[in-house]
Structures are given as C-alpha cells and as structure tokens.
Amino acid sequence: MSWDETRIVNQILQAVDGVVSVYRLIDSQDASLPEFFSILQKLQNDGVIVVENGKVKLSEKGEKLKEELRLFSSNVRCRCCNGTGYTIADEFREAFEEYKKIAENRPEAIEEYDQGFISVDGVMRRVEFIYERGDLASNIFVVGDDDLFSIASSLTGVPKKVTVVEIDDRLVKFINDTAEEYGLPVEAMVYDVQQAFPDELKRKYEVFVTDPVETIPGLKLFLSRGVSTLKGIGCSGYFGLTTLEASRKKWYEIQRMIGEMGFVVTDMIRKFSVYPGEEKNFFRFQQKLIVVEKLKAEIDWNWYSSTLYRIEAVKQPKPLIEGEMVIDEKVYKDDESWATPY
C-alpha cells in the first residue's frame, strides 16, 4: 500500500469510534470519493472494518491495528469555530442575522445548473476572511451566487460594489430584489459562462469570488471569467475546492493553471465551507449521486466540505479562456464527480 493510501487508512481508523456513519468517515479524510471507496472496500475485504447499512465499526483486527499504530479518536480540531479559525465577530453579527433571514427565502437549488450552497455561517466566515485579508472594501465580482455571498458581504456595509453574473434568472431576480429592498450596492445580471465575456466587465474589479464546478475544463472556464474582471497586479480571487471531487492530480493541474494566469496561492484553509443537508440544497437529489449508489446508504451527515483558496496576481492577470466556450457534459462531470447530480 502506498503512503497516500496508508495516510487515508490512518484517517479512517482515527475517525471510527464505536459505530459511525460512513458519511462521517468521508468527512474525516481527504481522498477523492473514488479513492475513498476503493480503500473502504479494501479495509472491509481485509477484515479491518465491518460495514452494515451505512454504518462502520472496527473489527477485532481493526481495533488491534489501531492500538498498534497508537491512533485515537479524539477531535483535535477547534470546537468553537468548526476548525476554521473564524467565529462571527460582533461587528458582523447584525449583518449575519439579517442574512440568515434573507437566505431562508432563497430559490431552491436545481440540478440543471449543478447548484449547491454552503452554510450561512460558512458564508459569513468567508466574508470575515476576505475582510481580514483587506479585500472586502473593494469592488467585488461574483461568478455564480448560489450562496448569496453578494447579499451577505454587502450587508456589512464594507464593499464598494458587488456585481454578480449568474445563469439562473430566479437567483438574479432574488438578489436584485433584495438589494433594492435593503439599499445594497449589488447588481446581478443573467450571464452564461460559456458566452464570450463582456468587454464592459473586464479589468474593473479588485476581487472575484466563485465556487466553480470541479472538472479541469469547468475550473479553467470559471476561474478565467473571474480573472478577466481583475484590474491588475495585487488583485485577488477566492474560490472553494474539495478533495472529494478533485484528487491530488487534479489539484496539481489547477495550481498549474493558477500560475499560468499570473497568480500565486496565498491561503488554503481545509474544510472551511460545509454544504448542509437542507431541504433546498442539492442533497435532495441524493439518489442521483454516484457516491450514494456505491455506498447503498442515505446521507445522514453534512460530509461535503471544501477548502477555501485565496490567489493573488503577481503578474498582469491572464485568463486562459476569453472567448466563447461551449459547455458539454465534460465541463460538469468527470470520473471523480461522484457528488454531482447533473
């Protein structure tokens, strides 16, 4: 067994304390879903674990192995901030409470656009992180806004202007109506990322935010649209990326693309954003997810989380795609897309 597989085995053994949900195990390790499933099967076949009805426990052999490796199951992450390092500060509390109320009425996610939103406290922590990095008091461009980041950030009163492009006209109307009601400096417009990028939006912003689909073509397209909006050196971008649908090899390609576009990675925070199993979120399509089909168990844990990236331009930003790029299924799905219902 290679070291990367051994490391994942260690993470799994550390996470099993009595009987645990298989989805909690997914949340406790950082292999891609296909890799995790392969390792889980191997552990089961080797008699290290017992899996039944979506629940996992260690066999006697597994308990002995865990003891020999001197592993334990205590949670070593901070319990106050969900391990992110950020709590909701008093200065952001009023905006957070208002944002929570607004988010309750958001349009539900639909599978056609591969939609899904992170938790409301996760969105506000992202706002706080961007604030801490000195990027919030700026002109911000958002590529796709299932999370209503534009609303959460502008409610703080800090951003100068937030512009959203979004393919879903329901979300565009909801964002614009909310912005008008609250007097927020937010404008949303219908735009399909496969269309050529409008000249009037290029090089007008200091910051972009997006949560792209996690295929190489999709990431190249979404990040290029964000990069196209930036004024120049020192401008930054924020986006989420999982390990569940993006293996290390894919991360390598993504980081290579980031370099080609003239950026350096300044920050990565693991498991910063969690996609909750709320009624309006994409988990209601769980029967269409490959991971659910493979595990033969319904989701019972908020297991889908992403790493928050911050990138900063050290050269003049250079998008890899500027013209039209017609989307096919390969943009939305690849062999690692086990949690994509589209």
Foldseek 3Di string as FASTA:
>chain_A
DDVVLVVLVLQQLLAADPKDFPLVSLLRGQAALVSVLVSVVVCVVVQQWDDDQRIIHGDPNVVVVCVVVVHHHDDPADPQQQNQPDDQDPLLVVLLVVVVVLLVPAAFDDQVVLDFEWDSRLLLRVLVVCVVVVNLQWEEEEEAPSHLSQSSSQSSVRYPAYEYEHQDVSRQVSSVVVCVVVVTRYHYDYDDLLAFADPVQFQAIQEYEYEWAQFPLGLLSRVLNRLRNHNFFFRKYKYWDGSHLAPPVNVVVNCVLCVVQQKDWDDKGAQSTFGDPDPRGPLVLVVQFQSCVSSVHRDDDRNDGTIMIMMGGRGGGDRPDRHGHDDDVSSNDDPSRRPRND
